[in-house]
Amino acid sequence: MITLRNVQATDLEQLLDIENEGFSKEEAATREVEILGYINGPIIHQPYITDDLFEEIQENPKRGGYQSILGLAVSSKARNQGIAKLLMEKMEALVVENKREGITLTCKEELVSIYEKLGFVNHGMSESQHGGVTWYNLVKLREAMN
């Protein structure tokens, strides 16, 4: 059985292991329930993620804004089981509940079609240079969420 819950400080080591499996060293964050994956990101006021979000996080407003996704990673031993989709569905439910504008994320070109299948719209190449990678802006507005 899969349980979704908010991350806790005691989860740090497992989260870092999953982060390092899913992202290169330049992209990854630094530093008995088995954690299979995670999704994270702050609420931002603009529809696209900018590099400064990786440096300074501010308190999330109670309502409005865009839910950004800075990281979505699943442990290699739990892939192809629908974990990422479950995490995304939970995030969508929070967006609707908190009356956010939608969800915004950036991803590499090879992942664009996966997010499009989840209802995201490709807004083209991002200005982000995080990790020295080419990123694409994808957005899913609240109205497109079930």
Protein backbone atom coordinates (compact mmCIF):
# COMPACT_ATOMS: atom_id res chain seq x y z
CA MET A 1 0.00 0.00 0.00
CA ILE A 2 1.27 3.47 -0.90
CA THR A 3 0.84 6.33 1.58
CA LEU A 4 1.29 9.99 0.61
CA ARG A 5 2.33 12.43 3.36
CA ASN A 6 4.28 15.62 3.90
CA VAL A 7 8.03 15.23 4.20
CA GLN A 8 9.62 15.24 7.66
CA ALA A 9 13.14 16.11 8.81
CA THR A 10 13.84 12.44 9.51
CA ASP A 11 13.31 11.73 5.79
CA LEU A 12 16.34 13.74 4.69
CA GLU A 13 18.77 10.90 3.96
CA GLN A 14 16.29 8.91 1.87
CA LEU A 15 15.23 12.04 0.00
CA LEU A 16 18.82 12.87 -0.85
CA ASP A 17 19.39 9.32 -2.13
CA ILE A 18 16.38 9.59 -4.44
CA GLU A 19 17.38 13.12 -5.52
CA ASN A 20 20.86 11.91 -6.48
CA GLU A 21 19.40 9.00 -8.48
CA GLY A 22 17.20 11.34 -10.51
CA PHE A 23 19.43 14.36 -11.08
CA SER A 24 23.05 15.01 -11.99
CA LYS A 25 25.44 16.26 -9.29
CA GLU A 26 25.07 19.82 -10.62
CA GLU A 27 21.26 19.65 -10.48
CA ALA A 28 20.71 17.71 -7.25
CA ALA A 29 20.05 19.15 -3.82
CA THR A 30 22.82 18.71 -1.25
CA ARG A 31 22.82 17.35 1.88
CA GLU A 32 10.92 2.69 9.39
CA VAL A 33 8.93 4.03 6.47
CA GLU A 34 10.38 3.50 3.09
CA ILE A 35 10.20 6.65 0.99
CA LEU A 36 9.62 5.86 -2.67
CA GLY A 37 9.63 9.37 -4.07
CA TYR A 38 8.94 13.03 -3.50
CA ILE A 39 7.67 16.19 -5.17
CA ASN A 40 8.60 19.69 -4.03
CA GLY A 41 8.53 23.36 -4.94
CA PRO A 42 7.40 26.72 -3.59
CA ILE A 43 4.45 28.86 -4.61
CA ILE A 44 5.58 31.54 -7.05
CA HIS A 45 3.79 34.55 -8.52
CA GLN A 46 4.88 34.11 -12.14
CA PRO A 47 4.01 31.21 -14.48
CA TYR A 48 7.65 30.21 -15.12
CA ILE A 49 10.45 29.00 -12.88
CA THR A 50 13.52 31.22 -12.68
CA ASP A 51 17.00 30.30 -11.44
CA ASP A 52 16.73 32.53 -8.35
CA LEU A 53 14.14 30.10 -6.92
CA PHE A 54 16.99 27.68 -6.26
CA GLU A 55 18.71 30.25 -4.03
CA GLU A 56 16.00 32.03 -2.04
CA ILE A 57 12.76 30.45 -0.85
CA GLN A 58 10.04 32.62 0.64
CA GLU A 59 7.00 31.62 2.71
CA ASN A 60 4.14 30.32 0.60
CA PRO A 61 1.00 32.46 0.45
CA LYS A 62 -2.20 30.76 1.68
CA ARG A 63 -3.99 31.24 -1.69
CA GLY A 64 -3.17 32.09 -5.29
CA GLY A 65 0.08 31.96 -7.22
CA TYR A 66 1.50 29.03 -9.12
CA GLN A 67 2.64 25.80 -7.52
CA SER A 68 6.12 25.28 -8.91
CA ILE A 69 7.70 21.86 -9.08
CA LEU A 70 11.45 22.05 -8.60
CA GLY A 71 11.84 18.33 -8.06
CA LEU A 72 9.88 15.16 -8.79
CA ALA A 73 11.89 12.00 -8.25
CA VAL A 74 11.10 8.33 -7.65
CA SER A 75 13.47 5.73 -6.26
CA SER A 76 14.89 3.48 -8.98
CA LYS A 77 13.42 0.44 -7.22
CA ALA A 78 9.90 1.91 -7.35
CA ARG A 79 9.76 3.25 -10.90
CA ASN A 80 7.03 2.26 -13.39
CA GLN A 81 4.52 1.76 -10.58
CA GLY A 82 2.64 5.05 -10.97
CA ILE A 83 4.34 6.78 -8.03
CA ALA A 84 5.14 9.98 -9.97
CA LYS A 85 1.56 10.16 -11.23
CA LEU A 86 0.25 9.75 -7.65
CA LEU A 87 2.53 12.53 -6.44
CA MET A 88 1.38 14.80 -9.29
CA GLU A 89 -2.29 14.03 -8.56
CA LYS A 90 -1.77 14.95 -4.91
CA MET A 91 -0.12 18.21 -5.95
CA GLU A 92 -3.04 18.97 -8.28
CA ALA A 93 -5.50 18.39 -5.44
CA LEU A 94 -3.57 20.89 -3.30
CA VAL A 95 -3.61 23.41 -6.17
CA VAL A 96 -7.39 23.15 -6.42
CA GLU A 97 -7.87 23.23 -2.65
CA ASN A 98 -5.69 26.33 -2.23
CA LYS A 99 -7.01 28.11 -5.33
CA ARG A 100 -3.65 28.31 -7.07
CA GLU A 101 -3.46 29.44 -10.70
CA GLY A 102 -1.92 26.14 -11.72
CA ILE A 103 1.29 24.13 -11.67
CA THR A 104 4.50 25.18 -13.38
CA LEU A 105 7.64 23.14 -13.91
CA THR A 106 10.69 22.91 -16.09
CA CYS A 107 11.97 19.68 -17.54
CA LYS A 108 14.47 18.32 -20.01
CA GLU A 109 13.37 17.83 -23.61
CA GLU A 110 13.10 14.04 -23.28
CA LEU A 111 10.47 14.44 -20.52
CA VAL A 112 8.22 16.99 -22.27
CA SER A 113 5.93 14.34 -23.81
CA ILE A 114 5.45 12.63 -20.43
CA TYR A 115 4.21 15.85 -18.85
CA GLU A 116 2.06 16.62 -21.90
CA LYS A 117 0.31 13.27 -21.33
CA LEU A 118 -0.49 14.52 -17.82
CA GLY A 119 -2.16 17.62 -19.30
CA PHE A 120 0.73 20.09 -19.17
CA VAL A 121 1.22 22.55 -22.03
CA ASN A 122 4.73 23.11 -23.37
CA HIS A 123 5.46 26.86 -23.38
CA GLY A 124 8.84 26.42 -25.04
CA MET A 125 12.42 26.73 -23.94
CA SER A 126 13.05 28.17 -20.48
CA GLU A 127 15.48 30.98 -19.69
CA SER A 128 16.75 28.84 -16.80
CA GLN A 129 20.35 27.70 -16.98
CA HIS A 130 20.21 25.68 -13.74
CA GLY A 131 22.81 22.92 -13.76
CA GLY A 132 23.98 23.96 -17.24
CA VAL A 133 21.00 22.13 -18.80
CA THR A 134 18.41 23.20 -21.41
CA TRP A 135 14.98 23.28 -19.78
CA TYR A 136 11.44 23.61 -21.11
CA ASN A 137 8.58 25.50 -19.43
CA LEU A 138 5.45 23.42 -18.86
CA VAL A 139 2.26 24.72 -17.25
CA LYS A 140 -1.04 23.14 -16.26
CA LEU A 141 -3.74 25.62 -15.29
CA ARG A 142 -6.18 24.79 -12.50
CA GLU A 143 -9.09 24.73 -14.97
CA ALA A 144 -7.45 21.73 -16.70
CA MET A 145 -7.31 19.70 -13.49
CA ASN A 146 -10.01 17.11 -12.73
